[in-house]
Amino acid sequence: MSKIIHGNKVVYIGLDSLADSTVGSAIGSILLADLAAVAGDRYNYGIDSLTPVNLFIDEAAEVLNQPAIQLMNKGGGADFRVTIATQTFADFASRLGDENKARQVLANTNNKIALRVLDSETQKYLAEGMPQIKVRSMALRYGHNVDSHVQDEYTASYQEQILEEEAELFPAAMLGELPPLHFIARLSGGRTLKGRFPILRTQP
């Protein structure tokens, strides 16, 4: 990994975890441990390149280990940028054997981008990080009364009431209703975005 990084190379590694998850997980864990060692070397002895190291891990729960968590936690000082992809919160908890460690992994991510999520626990976790907002509602009421015995006796009323209460910015259950390619993003600066990835079409 050190040679690849020093040579500014790009490497793609397919672990074929579908065919043999045990071997794929073992090889992936070894590679991540090697990368953590390279990051430690860069952090301790300086970085000889202005080019950051971008690491993308798909199906991250298959290979995640303690060195990878350290890389996510402290890799920024070595100019590492780590992107992990998974389907549910439970994948990390199952891999690491502890829900607290799963939360530690996700807490070390600065930006969270979620497409449609069907797992209720994952929906709840993502919604927890979004702020509460103030929602205003208006209630109007009209009334009138005519006394049938006295023609001149007429009363009317008009009431207007504005109520303010706290509500979720984006309800957790709505994460399961997102259309294809729509996403909710919670960014490191505290911003929450709702967006859609563009569909690229080739010219005929």
N, C-alpha and C. Protein backbone atom coordinates (compact mmCIF):
# COMPACT_ATOMS: atom_id res chain seq x y z
N MET A 1 0.82 -1.19 0.00
CA MET A 1 0.00 0.00 0.00
C MET A 1 0.87 1.26 0.00
N SER A 2 1.98 1.21 0.70
CA SER A 2 2.89 2.36 0.73
C SER A 2 3.43 2.66 -0.67
N LYS A 3 3.80 1.63 -1.42
CA LYS A 3 4.30 1.83 -2.78
C LYS A 3 3.23 2.40 -3.69
N ILE A 4 2.02 1.92 -3.54
CA ILE A 4 0.90 2.41 -4.36
C ILE A 4 0.65 3.89 -4.09
N ILE A 5 0.66 4.28 -2.82
CA ILE A 5 0.39 5.66 -2.44
C ILE A 5 1.53 6.58 -2.90
N HIS A 6 2.78 6.15 -2.70
CA HIS A 6 3.92 6.97 -3.12
C HIS A 6 3.97 7.13 -4.63
N GLY A 7 3.44 6.16 -5.36
CA GLY A 7 3.43 6.24 -6.82
C GLY A 7 2.20 6.92 -7.38
N ASN A 8 1.34 7.46 -6.50
CA ASN A 8 0.10 8.11 -6.93
C ASN A 8 -0.73 7.20 -7.84
N LYS A 9 -0.82 5.94 -7.46
CA LYS A 9 -1.55 4.96 -8.27
C LYS A 9 -2.99 4.80 -7.77
N VAL A 10 -3.78 4.18 -8.61
CA VAL A 10 -5.14 3.83 -8.24
C VAL A 10 -5.24 2.31 -8.25
N VAL A 11 -5.78 1.74 -7.19
CA VAL A 11 -5.93 0.29 -7.12
C VAL A 11 -7.38 -0.04 -6.77
N TYR A 12 -7.92 -1.02 -7.48
CA TYR A 12 -9.27 -1.50 -7.21
C TYR A 12 -9.16 -2.97 -6.80
N ILE A 13 -9.71 -3.32 -5.67
CA ILE A 13 -9.60 -4.68 -5.16
C ILE A 13 -10.99 -5.26 -4.97
N GLY A 14 -11.30 -6.30 -5.73
CA GLY A 14 -12.57 -7.01 -5.56
C GLY A 14 -12.36 -8.25 -4.70
N LEU A 15 -12.98 -8.28 -3.55
CA LEU A 15 -12.74 -9.35 -2.59
C LEU A 15 -13.63 -10.57 -2.81
N ASP A 16 -14.63 -10.45 -3.65
CA ASP A 16 -15.52 -11.58 -3.96
C ASP A 16 -16.10 -12.19 -2.68
N SER A 17 -16.59 -11.33 -1.81
CA SER A 17 -17.12 -11.82 -0.53
C SER A 17 -18.39 -12.64 -0.70
N LEU A 18 -19.09 -12.45 -1.81
CA LEU A 18 -20.29 -13.23 -2.04
C LEU A 18 -19.96 -14.72 -2.17
N ALA A 19 -18.84 -15.02 -2.85
CA ALA A 19 -18.45 -16.41 -3.05
C ALA A 19 -17.82 -17.01 -1.80
N ASP A 20 -16.98 -16.23 -1.11
CA ASP A 20 -16.30 -16.73 0.09
C ASP A 20 -16.10 -15.55 1.03
N SER A 21 -17.04 -15.37 1.93
CA SER A 21 -17.00 -14.21 2.82
C SER A 21 -15.84 -14.27 3.82
N THR A 22 -15.45 -15.47 4.22
CA THR A 22 -14.38 -15.60 5.20
C THR A 22 -13.04 -15.12 4.64
N VAL A 23 -12.70 -15.60 3.45
CA VAL A 23 -11.44 -15.20 2.82
C VAL A 23 -11.49 -13.72 2.45
N GLY A 24 -12.60 -13.27 1.88
CA GLY A 24 -12.73 -11.86 1.50
C GLY A 24 -12.60 -10.94 2.69
N SER A 25 -13.22 -11.31 3.81
CA SER A 25 -13.14 -10.50 5.02
C SER A 25 -11.72 -10.46 5.56
N ALA A 26 -11.03 -11.60 5.53
CA ALA A 26 -9.66 -11.66 6.06
C ALA A 26 -8.71 -10.80 5.23
N ILE A 27 -8.81 -10.92 3.91
CA ILE A 27 -7.92 -10.13 3.04
C ILE A 27 -8.21 -8.64 3.18
N GLY A 28 -9.50 -8.29 3.21
CA GLY A 28 -9.86 -6.89 3.38
C GLY A 28 -9.36 -6.31 4.69
N SER A 29 -9.45 -7.09 5.77
CA SER A 29 -8.97 -6.63 7.07
C SER A 29 -7.46 -6.42 7.07
N ILE A 30 -6.73 -7.31 6.38
CA ILE A 30 -5.27 -7.16 6.29
C ILE A 30 -4.90 -5.89 5.54
N LEU A 31 -5.59 -5.64 4.43
CA LEU A 31 -5.30 -4.44 3.64
C LEU A 31 -5.60 -3.16 4.42
N LEU A 32 -6.69 -3.16 5.18
CA LEU A 32 -7.02 -2.00 5.98
C LEU A 32 -6.01 -1.78 7.10
N ALA A 33 -5.53 -2.88 7.69
CA ALA A 33 -4.49 -2.76 8.71
C ALA A 33 -3.20 -2.18 8.11
N ASP A 34 -2.88 -2.60 6.89
CA ASP A 34 -1.70 -2.06 6.20
C ASP A 34 -1.86 -0.57 5.94
N LEU A 35 -3.05 -0.17 5.52
CA LEU A 35 -3.31 1.25 5.27
C LEU A 35 -3.22 2.07 6.56
N ALA A 36 -3.70 1.50 7.66
CA ALA A 36 -3.59 2.21 8.95
C ALA A 36 -2.13 2.40 9.33
N ALA A 37 -1.28 1.40 9.03
CA ALA A 37 0.15 1.53 9.31
C ALA A 37 0.78 2.62 8.44
N VAL A 38 0.37 2.68 7.16
CA VAL A 38 0.88 3.73 6.26
C VAL A 38 0.44 5.10 6.76
N ALA A 39 -0.79 5.21 7.20
CA ALA A 39 -1.29 6.48 7.72
C ALA A 39 -0.51 6.91 8.95
N GLY A 40 -0.19 5.95 9.83
CA GLY A 40 0.62 6.27 11.00
C GLY A 40 2.01 6.75 10.63
N ASP A 41 2.58 6.15 9.60
CA ASP A 41 3.90 6.57 9.14
C ASP A 41 3.85 7.99 8.57
N ARG A 42 2.83 8.28 7.78
CA ARG A 42 2.69 9.62 7.21
C ARG A 42 2.46 10.66 8.31
N TYR A 43 1.69 10.27 9.32
CA TYR A 43 1.39 11.20 10.41
C TYR A 43 2.64 11.50 11.25
N ASN A 44 3.44 10.45 11.51
CA ASN A 44 4.61 10.61 12.38
C ASN A 44 5.79 11.28 11.70
N TYR A 45 5.99 10.99 10.41
CA TYR A 45 7.21 11.44 9.73
C TYR A 45 6.95 12.44 8.61
N GLY A 46 5.73 12.89 8.49
CA GLY A 46 5.44 13.93 7.50
C GLY A 46 4.93 13.34 6.20
N ILE A 47 4.24 14.17 5.47
CA ILE A 47 3.64 13.78 4.20
C ILE A 47 4.45 14.40 3.07
N ASP A 48 4.96 13.56 2.17
CA ASP A 48 5.82 14.05 1.09
C ASP A 48 5.04 14.34 -0.19
N SER A 49 3.73 14.44 -0.09
CA SER A 49 2.92 14.71 -1.28
C SER A 49 1.72 15.54 -0.88
N LEU A 50 1.29 16.40 -1.80
CA LEU A 50 0.10 17.22 -1.54
C LEU A 50 -1.18 16.50 -1.94
N THR A 51 -1.04 15.32 -2.52
CA THR A 51 -2.20 14.57 -2.98
C THR A 51 -2.80 13.77 -1.83
N PRO A 52 -4.07 13.96 -1.52
CA PRO A 52 -4.68 13.16 -0.44
C PRO A 52 -4.89 11.72 -0.88
N VAL A 53 -5.05 10.85 0.09
CA VAL A 53 -5.33 9.43 -0.17
C VAL A 53 -6.82 9.22 0.00
N ASN A 54 -7.49 8.81 -1.06
CA ASN A 54 -8.93 8.56 -1.02
C ASN A 54 -9.18 7.06 -0.95
N LEU A 55 -9.88 6.65 0.08
CA LEU A 55 -10.18 5.24 0.30
C LEU A 55 -11.69 5.05 0.27
N PHE A 56 -12.17 4.19 -0.62
CA PHE A 56 -13.59 3.89 -0.74
C PHE A 56 -13.82 2.42 -0.39
N ILE A 57 -14.70 2.17 0.55
CA ILE A 57 -14.97 0.80 0.99
C ILE A 57 -16.45 0.52 0.80
N ASP A 58 -16.78 -0.30 -0.17
CA ASP A 58 -18.18 -0.72 -0.37
C ASP A 58 -18.44 -1.96 0.48
N GLU A 59 -19.69 -2.12 0.92
CA GLU A 59 -20.04 -3.21 1.84
C GLU A 59 -19.04 -3.24 3.00
N ALA A 60 -18.90 -2.09 3.64
CA ALA A 60 -17.85 -1.91 4.64
C ALA A 60 -17.97 -2.86 5.82
N ALA A 61 -19.17 -3.30 6.12
CA ALA A 61 -19.35 -4.20 7.26
C ALA A 61 -18.64 -5.54 7.07
N GLU A 62 -18.33 -5.89 5.82
CA GLU A 62 -17.66 -7.17 5.56
C GLU A 62 -16.20 -7.17 6.00
N VAL A 63 -15.57 -5.99 6.03
CA VAL A 63 -14.12 -5.95 6.27
C VAL A 63 -13.72 -5.06 7.44
N LEU A 64 -14.66 -4.40 8.04
CA LEU A 64 -14.33 -3.41 9.07
C LEU A 64 -13.64 -4.05 10.27
N ASN A 65 -12.59 -3.40 10.75
CA ASN A 65 -11.86 -3.87 11.93
C ASN A 65 -11.35 -2.67 12.71
N GLN A 66 -10.61 -2.93 13.80
CA GLN A 66 -10.14 -1.84 14.65
C GLN A 66 -9.18 -0.90 13.93
N PRO A 67 -8.22 -1.40 13.12
CA PRO A 67 -7.38 -0.47 12.36
C PRO A 67 -8.17 0.46 11.44
N ALA A 68 -9.25 -0.05 10.86
CA ALA A 68 -10.08 0.79 9.99
C ALA A 68 -10.76 1.89 10.80
N ILE A 69 -11.20 1.56 12.01
CA ILE A 69 -11.81 2.57 12.88
C ILE A 69 -10.79 3.63 13.25
N GLN A 70 -9.56 3.20 13.54
CA GLN A 70 -8.50 4.15 13.85
C GLN A 70 -8.20 5.03 12.64
N LEU A 71 -8.25 4.45 11.46
CA LEU A 71 -8.00 5.20 10.23
C LEU A 71 -9.07 6.27 10.03
N MET A 72 -10.31 5.93 10.32
CA MET A 72 -11.39 6.90 10.20
C MET A 72 -11.30 7.98 11.27
N ASN A 73 -10.83 7.59 12.45
CA ASN A 73 -10.78 8.50 13.58
C ASN A 73 -9.63 9.49 13.48
N LYS A 74 -8.46 9.01 13.07
CA LYS A 74 -7.25 9.84 13.10
C LYS A 74 -6.59 10.00 11.74
N GLY A 75 -7.18 9.40 10.70
CA GLY A 75 -6.56 9.44 9.39
C GLY A 75 -6.50 10.81 8.75
N GLY A 76 -7.34 11.73 9.21
CA GLY A 76 -7.34 13.08 8.63
C GLY A 76 -5.99 13.77 8.78
N GLY A 77 -5.29 13.48 9.88
CA GLY A 77 -3.97 14.08 10.09
C GLY A 77 -2.94 13.56 9.11
N ALA A 78 -3.20 12.39 8.52
CA ALA A 78 -2.32 11.83 7.51
C ALA A 78 -2.85 12.08 6.10
N ASP A 79 -3.84 12.95 6.00
CA ASP A 79 -4.46 13.32 4.72
C ASP A 79 -5.15 12.13 4.05
N PHE A 80 -5.78 11.29 4.87
CA PHE A 80 -6.60 10.19 4.37
C PHE A 80 -8.06 10.65 4.37
N ARG A 81 -8.77 10.32 3.30
CA ARG A 81 -10.20 10.59 3.22
C ARG A 81 -10.91 9.26 2.98
N VAL A 82 -11.71 8.86 3.95
CA VAL A 82 -12.33 7.53 3.93
C VAL A 82 -13.82 7.66 3.66
N THR A 83 -14.30 6.90 2.70
CA THR A 83 -15.72 6.83 2.39
C THR A 83 -16.17 5.37 2.54
N ILE A 84 -17.17 5.15 3.38
CA ILE A 84 -17.68 3.80 3.57
C ILE A 84 -19.14 3.74 3.14
N ALA A 85 -19.53 2.58 2.63
CA ALA A 85 -20.91 2.38 2.20
C ALA A 85 -21.45 1.10 2.82
N THR A 86 -22.68 1.17 3.30
CA THR A 86 -23.32 0.00 3.89
C THR A 86 -24.82 0.13 3.69
N GLN A 87 -25.56 -0.88 4.08
CA GLN A 87 -27.01 -0.85 3.89
C GLN A 87 -27.77 -0.54 5.17
N THR A 88 -27.34 -1.11 6.28
CA THR A 88 -28.06 -0.90 7.53
C THR A 88 -27.09 -0.71 8.68
N PHE A 89 -27.59 -0.10 9.73
CA PHE A 89 -26.83 0.08 10.97
C PHE A 89 -26.49 -1.27 11.58
N ALA A 90 -27.40 -2.24 11.44
CA ALA A 90 -27.20 -3.55 12.04
C ALA A 90 -26.01 -4.29 11.44
N ASP A 91 -25.63 -3.97 10.20
CA ASP A 91 -24.47 -4.63 9.59
C ASP A 91 -23.21 -4.39 10.40
N PHE A 92 -23.01 -3.16 10.86
CA PHE A 92 -21.84 -2.83 11.67
C PHE A 92 -21.91 -3.49 13.04
N ALA A 93 -23.09 -3.45 13.64
CA ALA A 93 -23.25 -4.06 14.96
C ALA A 93 -22.98 -5.56 14.89
N SER A 94 -23.43 -6.21 13.83
CA SER A 94 -23.21 -7.64 13.67
C SER A 94 -21.73 -7.95 13.45
N ARG A 95 -21.07 -7.14 12.65
CA ARG A 95 -19.65 -7.37 12.35
C ARG A 95 -18.78 -7.16 13.59
N LEU A 96 -19.05 -6.07 14.34
CA LEU A 96 -18.20 -5.72 15.48
C LEU A 96 -18.67 -6.35 16.78
N GLY A 97 -19.87 -6.93 16.77
CA GLY A 97 -20.37 -7.61 17.96
C GLY A 97 -20.84 -6.69 19.06
N ASP A 98 -20.97 -5.40 18.77
CA ASP A 98 -21.35 -4.45 19.82
C ASP A 98 -21.98 -3.23 19.17
N GLU A 99 -23.15 -2.84 19.64
CA GLU A 99 -23.82 -1.68 19.08
C GLU A 99 -23.05 -0.39 19.36
N ASN A 100 -22.38 -0.32 20.51
CA ASN A 100 -21.61 0.88 20.84
C ASN A 100 -20.45 1.08 19.86
N LYS A 101 -19.80 -0.02 19.46
CA LYS A 101 -18.73 0.09 18.49
C LYS A 101 -19.27 0.49 17.12
N ALA A 102 -20.46 0.01 16.81
CA ALA A 102 -21.10 0.41 15.55
C ALA A 102 -21.37 1.90 15.54
N ARG A 103 -21.83 2.42 16.65
CA ARG A 103 -22.05 3.86 16.76
C ARG A 103 -20.73 4.63 16.70
N GLN A 104 -19.66 4.04 17.23
CA GLN A 104 -18.35 4.68 17.16
C GLN A 104 -17.90 4.82 15.72
N VAL A 105 -18.15 3.79 14.92
CA VAL A 105 -17.79 3.85 13.50
C VAL A 105 -18.52 4.99 12.82
N LEU A 106 -19.83 5.04 13.00
CA LEU A 106 -20.62 6.06 12.32
C LEU A 106 -20.37 7.45 12.89
N ALA A 107 -20.00 7.54 14.16
CA ALA A 107 -19.69 8.85 14.75
C ALA A 107 -18.42 9.44 14.16
N ASN A 108 -17.55 8.60 13.61
CA ASN A 108 -16.31 9.08 13.01
C ASN A 108 -16.48 9.52 11.56
N THR A 109 -17.70 9.51 11.07
CA THR A 109 -17.96 10.00 9.71
C THR A 109 -18.46 11.44 9.79
N ASN A 110 -17.84 12.32 9.01
CA ASN A 110 -18.22 13.72 9.04
C ASN A 110 -19.50 13.99 8.25
N ASN A 111 -19.64 13.31 7.14
CA ASN A 111 -20.81 13.50 6.28
C ASN A 111 -21.56 12.19 6.15
N LYS A 112 -22.86 12.26 6.26
CA LYS A 112 -23.70 11.07 6.12
C LYS A 112 -24.70 11.32 4.98
N ILE A 113 -24.71 10.43 4.00
CA ILE A 113 -25.62 10.53 2.87
C ILE A 113 -26.44 9.24 2.83
N ALA A 114 -27.75 9.38 2.89
CA ALA A 114 -28.63 8.21 2.95
C ALA A 114 -29.61 8.24 1.79
N LEU A 115 -29.61 7.14 1.02
CA LEU A 115 -30.66 6.92 0.03
C LEU A 115 -31.86 6.29 0.76
N ARG A 116 -32.76 5.66 0.04
CA ARG A 116 -33.92 5.05 0.70
C ARG A 116 -33.46 3.98 1.68
N VAL A 117 -33.95 4.08 2.91
CA VAL A 117 -33.58 3.17 3.99
C VAL A 117 -34.85 2.50 4.50
N LEU A 118 -34.88 1.18 4.48
CA LEU A 118 -36.07 0.45 4.92
C LEU A 118 -35.95 -0.07 6.35
N ASP A 119 -34.73 -0.19 6.85
CA ASP A 119 -34.52 -0.70 8.21
C ASP A 119 -34.88 0.38 9.23
N SER A 120 -35.78 0.06 10.15
CA SER A 120 -36.28 1.06 11.10
C SER A 120 -35.19 1.55 12.05
N GLU A 121 -34.28 0.67 12.45
CA GLU A 121 -33.21 1.07 13.37
C GLU A 121 -32.27 2.07 12.69
N THR A 122 -31.97 1.83 11.42
CA THR A 122 -31.11 2.76 10.67
C THR A 122 -31.83 4.09 10.46
N GLN A 123 -33.12 4.03 10.17
CA GLN A 123 -33.90 5.25 10.03
C GLN A 123 -33.85 6.08 11.31
N LYS A 124 -34.01 5.41 12.43
CA LYS A 124 -34.00 6.10 13.72
C LYS A 124 -32.63 6.73 13.98
N TYR A 125 -31.55 6.00 13.68
CA TYR A 125 -30.21 6.53 13.92
C TYR A 125 -29.96 7.79 13.08
N LEU A 126 -30.34 7.76 11.81
CA LEU A 126 -30.12 8.90 10.93
C LEU A 126 -30.96 10.10 11.36
N ALA A 127 -32.18 9.85 11.77
CA ALA A 127 -33.06 10.95 12.17
C ALA A 127 -32.60 11.58 13.48
N GLU A 128 -31.94 10.81 14.34
CA GLU A 128 -31.46 11.34 15.62
C GLU A 128 -30.48 12.49 15.42
N GLY A 129 -29.72 12.44 14.34
CA GLY A 129 -28.72 13.48 14.11
C GLY A 129 -29.26 14.75 13.49
N MET A 130 -30.55 14.76 13.16
CA MET A 130 -31.13 15.95 12.54
C MET A 130 -31.76 16.84 13.62
N PRO A 131 -31.68 18.15 13.43
CA PRO A 131 -32.20 19.05 14.47
C PRO A 131 -33.72 19.10 14.49
N GLN A 132 -34.25 19.51 15.63
CA GLN A 132 -35.68 19.78 15.74
C GLN A 132 -35.95 21.19 15.20
N ILE A 133 -37.12 21.37 14.66
CA ILE A 133 -37.48 22.68 14.12
C ILE A 133 -38.79 23.13 14.76
N LYS A 134 -39.07 24.44 14.65
CA LYS A 134 -40.33 25.00 15.12
C LYS A 134 -41.33 25.04 13.97
N VAL A 135 -42.50 24.48 14.20
CA VAL A 135 -43.54 24.44 13.19
C VAL A 135 -44.72 25.27 13.69
N ARG A 136 -45.17 26.17 12.84
CA ARG A 136 -46.31 27.00 13.20
C ARG A 136 -47.57 26.52 12.48
N SER A 137 -48.67 26.56 13.20
CA SER A 137 -49.96 26.22 12.61
C SER A 137 -50.97 27.29 13.02
N MET A 138 -51.90 27.58 12.13
CA MET A 138 -52.89 28.61 12.40
C MET A 138 -54.28 27.98 12.47
N ALA A 139 -55.03 28.38 13.47
CA ALA A 139 -56.41 27.91 13.63
C ALA A 139 -57.34 29.12 13.52
N LEU A 140 -58.33 29.04 12.63
CA LEU A 140 -59.32 30.10 12.44
C LEU A 140 -60.70 29.59 12.85
N ARG A 141 -61.47 30.48 13.48
CA ARG A 141 -62.82 30.09 13.85
C ARG A 141 -63.77 31.27 13.64
N TYR A 142 -64.85 31.00 12.92
CA TYR A 142 -65.89 31.99 12.70
C TYR A 142 -67.16 31.52 13.40
N GLY A 143 -67.90 32.45 13.91
CA GLY A 143 -69.17 32.09 14.55
C GLY A 143 -70.18 33.21 14.45
N HIS A 144 -71.42 32.87 14.38
CA HIS A 144 -72.49 33.89 14.41
C HIS A 144 -73.74 33.26 14.99
N ASN A 145 -74.56 34.11 15.54
CA ASN A 145 -75.79 33.65 16.21
C ASN A 145 -76.90 34.67 16.01
N VAL A 146 -78.05 34.20 15.61
CA VAL A 146 -79.22 35.07 15.43
C VAL A 146 -80.34 34.55 16.33
N ASP A 147 -80.89 35.44 17.15
CA ASP A 147 -82.02 35.08 18.01
C ASP A 147 -83.30 35.16 17.20
N SER A 148 -84.00 34.07 17.11
CA SER A 148 -85.21 34.03 16.27
C SER A 148 -86.36 34.85 16.84
N HIS A 149 -86.32 35.16 18.13
CA HIS A 149 -87.41 35.91 18.76
C HIS A 149 -87.20 37.41 18.64
N VAL A 150 -85.96 37.82 18.56
CA VAL A 150 -85.67 39.25 18.49
C VAL A 150 -84.85 39.50 17.23
N GLN A 151 -85.44 40.18 16.27
CA GLN A 151 -84.76 40.35 14.97
C GLN A 151 -83.47 41.16 15.09
N ASP A 152 -83.44 42.08 16.00
CA ASP A 152 -82.26 42.95 16.11
C ASP A 152 -81.12 42.31 16.89
N GLU A 153 -81.34 41.14 17.47
CA GLU A 153 -80.32 40.51 18.31
C GLU A 153 -79.44 39.61 17.43
N TYR A 154 -78.21 40.07 17.17
CA TYR A 154 -77.29 39.29 16.31
C TYR A 154 -75.88 39.39 16.89
N THR A 155 -75.23 38.26 17.02
CA THR A 155 -73.84 38.26 17.51
C THR A 155 -72.97 37.48 16.55
N ALA A 156 -71.71 37.90 16.47
CA ALA A 156 -70.75 37.22 15.60
C ALA A 156 -69.39 37.24 16.27
N SER A 157 -68.57 36.29 15.90
CA SER A 157 -67.22 36.23 16.50
C SER A 157 -66.22 35.75 15.45
N TYR A 158 -64.99 36.16 15.66
CA TYR A 158 -63.88 35.74 14.78
C TYR A 158 -62.66 35.52 15.66
N GLN A 159 -62.05 34.35 15.57
CA GLN A 159 -60.87 34.04 16.37
C GLN A 159 -59.76 33.53 15.45
N GLU A 160 -58.57 33.96 15.77
CA GLU A 160 -57.38 33.53 15.01
C GLU A 160 -56.30 33.16 16.01
N GLN A 161 -55.77 31.94 15.90
CA GLN A 161 -54.79 31.45 16.88
C GLN A 161 -53.61 30.82 16.15
N ILE A 162 -52.42 31.22 16.53
CA ILE A 162 -51.20 30.65 15.95
C ILE A 162 -50.51 29.81 17.01
N LEU A 163 -50.27 28.54 16.68
CA LEU A 163 -49.62 27.61 17.60
C LEU A 163 -48.22 27.29 17.08
N GLU A 164 -47.28 27.13 17.98
CA GLU A 164 -45.91 26.79 17.62
C GLU A 164 -45.46 25.60 18.44
N GLU A 165 -44.94 24.56 17.75
CA GLU A 165 -44.49 23.37 18.45
C GLU A 165 -43.27 22.79 17.75
N GLU A 166 -42.53 21.97 18.48
CA GLU A 166 -41.34 21.34 17.91
C GLU A 166 -41.74 20.13 17.07
N ALA A 167 -41.00 19.94 15.97
CA ALA A 167 -41.26 18.80 15.09
C ALA A 167 -39.95 18.35 14.49
N GLU A 168 -39.93 17.15 13.94
CA GLU A 168 -38.74 16.62 13.29
C GLU A 168 -38.53 17.33 11.95
N LEU A 169 -37.27 17.62 11.65
CA LEU A 169 -36.95 18.23 10.36
C LEU A 169 -37.32 17.29 9.23
N PHE A 170 -36.98 16.00 9.40
CA PHE A 170 -37.33 14.98 8.41
C PHE A 170 -37.68 13.73 9.19
N PRO A 171 -38.96 13.36 9.23
CA PRO A 171 -39.36 12.19 10.03
C PRO A 171 -38.63 10.93 9.62
N ALA A 172 -38.28 10.11 10.60
CA ALA A 172 -37.50 8.90 10.34
C ALA A 172 -38.18 7.99 9.33
N ALA A 173 -39.49 7.83 9.45
CA ALA A 173 -40.21 6.91 8.57
C ALA A 173 -40.16 7.35 7.11
N MET A 174 -39.98 8.65 6.86
CA MET A 174 -39.94 9.16 5.49
C MET A 174 -38.69 8.70 4.75
N LEU A 175 -37.66 8.27 5.49
CA LEU A 175 -36.45 7.75 4.84
C LEU A 175 -36.76 6.48 4.04
N GLY A 176 -37.80 5.80 4.41
CA GLY A 176 -38.21 4.61 3.67
C GLY A 176 -39.09 4.93 2.47
N GLU A 177 -39.45 6.20 2.29
CA GLU A 177 -40.33 6.60 1.19
C GLU A 177 -39.60 7.41 0.12
N LEU A 178 -38.28 7.55 0.25
CA LEU A 178 -37.53 8.34 -0.73
C LEU A 178 -37.60 7.68 -2.11
N PRO A 179 -37.85 8.44 -3.16
CA PRO A 179 -37.85 7.87 -4.51
C PRO A 179 -36.44 7.46 -4.92
N PRO A 180 -36.29 6.68 -5.99
CA PRO A 180 -34.95 6.28 -6.45
C PRO A 180 -34.05 7.49 -6.71
N LEU A 181 -32.80 7.38 -6.24
CA LEU A 181 -31.75 8.39 -6.41
C LEU A 181 -31.98 9.66 -5.59
N HIS A 182 -33.02 9.73 -4.79
CA HIS A 182 -33.20 10.86 -3.87
C HIS A 182 -32.46 10.53 -2.57
N PHE A 183 -31.96 11.55 -1.90
CA PHE A 183 -31.15 11.32 -0.71
C PHE A 183 -31.34 12.43 0.31
N ILE A 184 -30.98 12.09 1.54
CA ILE A 184 -30.87 13.06 2.64
C ILE A 184 -29.41 13.08 3.05
N ALA A 185 -28.82 14.27 3.16
CA ALA A 185 -27.41 14.39 3.53
C ALA A 185 -27.29 15.25 4.78
N ARG A 186 -26.52 14.74 5.73
CA ARG A 186 -26.19 15.49 6.94
C ARG A 186 -24.71 15.81 6.85
N LEU A 187 -24.37 17.09 6.62
CA LEU A 187 -22.99 17.48 6.35
C LEU A 187 -22.29 17.97 7.61
N SER A 188 -20.96 17.99 7.54
CA SER A 188 -20.15 18.28 8.72
C SER A 188 -20.37 19.68 9.27
N GLY A 189 -20.74 20.63 8.42
CA GLY A 189 -20.97 21.99 8.89
C GLY A 189 -22.29 22.17 9.60
N GLY A 190 -23.06 21.11 9.76
CA GLY A 190 -24.35 21.19 10.42
C GLY A 190 -25.51 21.34 9.47
N ARG A 191 -25.23 21.36 8.16
CA ARG A 191 -26.31 21.51 7.19
C ARG A 191 -26.97 20.17 6.89
N THR A 192 -28.28 20.20 6.68
CA THR A 192 -29.03 19.03 6.25
C THR A 192 -29.64 19.33 4.89
N LEU A 193 -29.39 18.45 3.92
CA LEU A 193 -29.85 18.69 2.56
C LEU A 193 -30.75 17.54 2.10
N LYS A 194 -31.71 17.88 1.28
CA LYS A 194 -32.52 16.89 0.56
C LYS A 194 -32.22 17.11 -0.92
N GLY A 195 -31.79 16.05 -1.61
CA GLY A 195 -31.40 16.22 -3.00
C GLY A 195 -31.68 14.99 -3.83
N ARG A 196 -31.29 15.07 -5.10
CA ARG A 196 -31.47 13.95 -6.03
C ARG A 196 -30.24 13.87 -6.93
N PHE A 197 -29.70 12.67 -7.04
CA PHE A 197 -28.57 12.47 -7.95
C PHE A 197 -29.07 12.55 -9.40
N PRO A 198 -28.36 13.26 -10.24
CA PRO A 198 -28.82 13.37 -11.63
C PRO A 198 -28.66 12.05 -12.39
N ILE A 199 -29.54 11.82 -13.32
CA ILE A 199 -29.46 10.66 -14.19
C ILE A 199 -28.74 11.08 -15.46
N LEU A 200 -27.59 10.50 -15.71
CA LEU A 200 -26.79 10.85 -16.89
C LEU A 200 -27.26 10.03 -18.08
N ARG A 201 -27.53 10.71 -19.13
CA ARG A 201 -27.99 10.03 -20.34
C ARG A 201 -26.97 10.26 -21.47
N THR A 202 -26.67 9.23 -22.19
CA THR A 202 -25.74 9.36 -23.31
C THR A 202 -26.47 9.85 -24.55
N GLN A 203 -25.75 10.60 -25.35
CA GLN A 203 -26.35 11.10 -26.60
C GLN A 203 -26.50 9.93 -27.60
N PRO A 204 -27.61 9.89 -28.34
CA PRO A 204 -27.81 8.81 -29.31
C PRO A 204 -26.83 8.94 -30.47
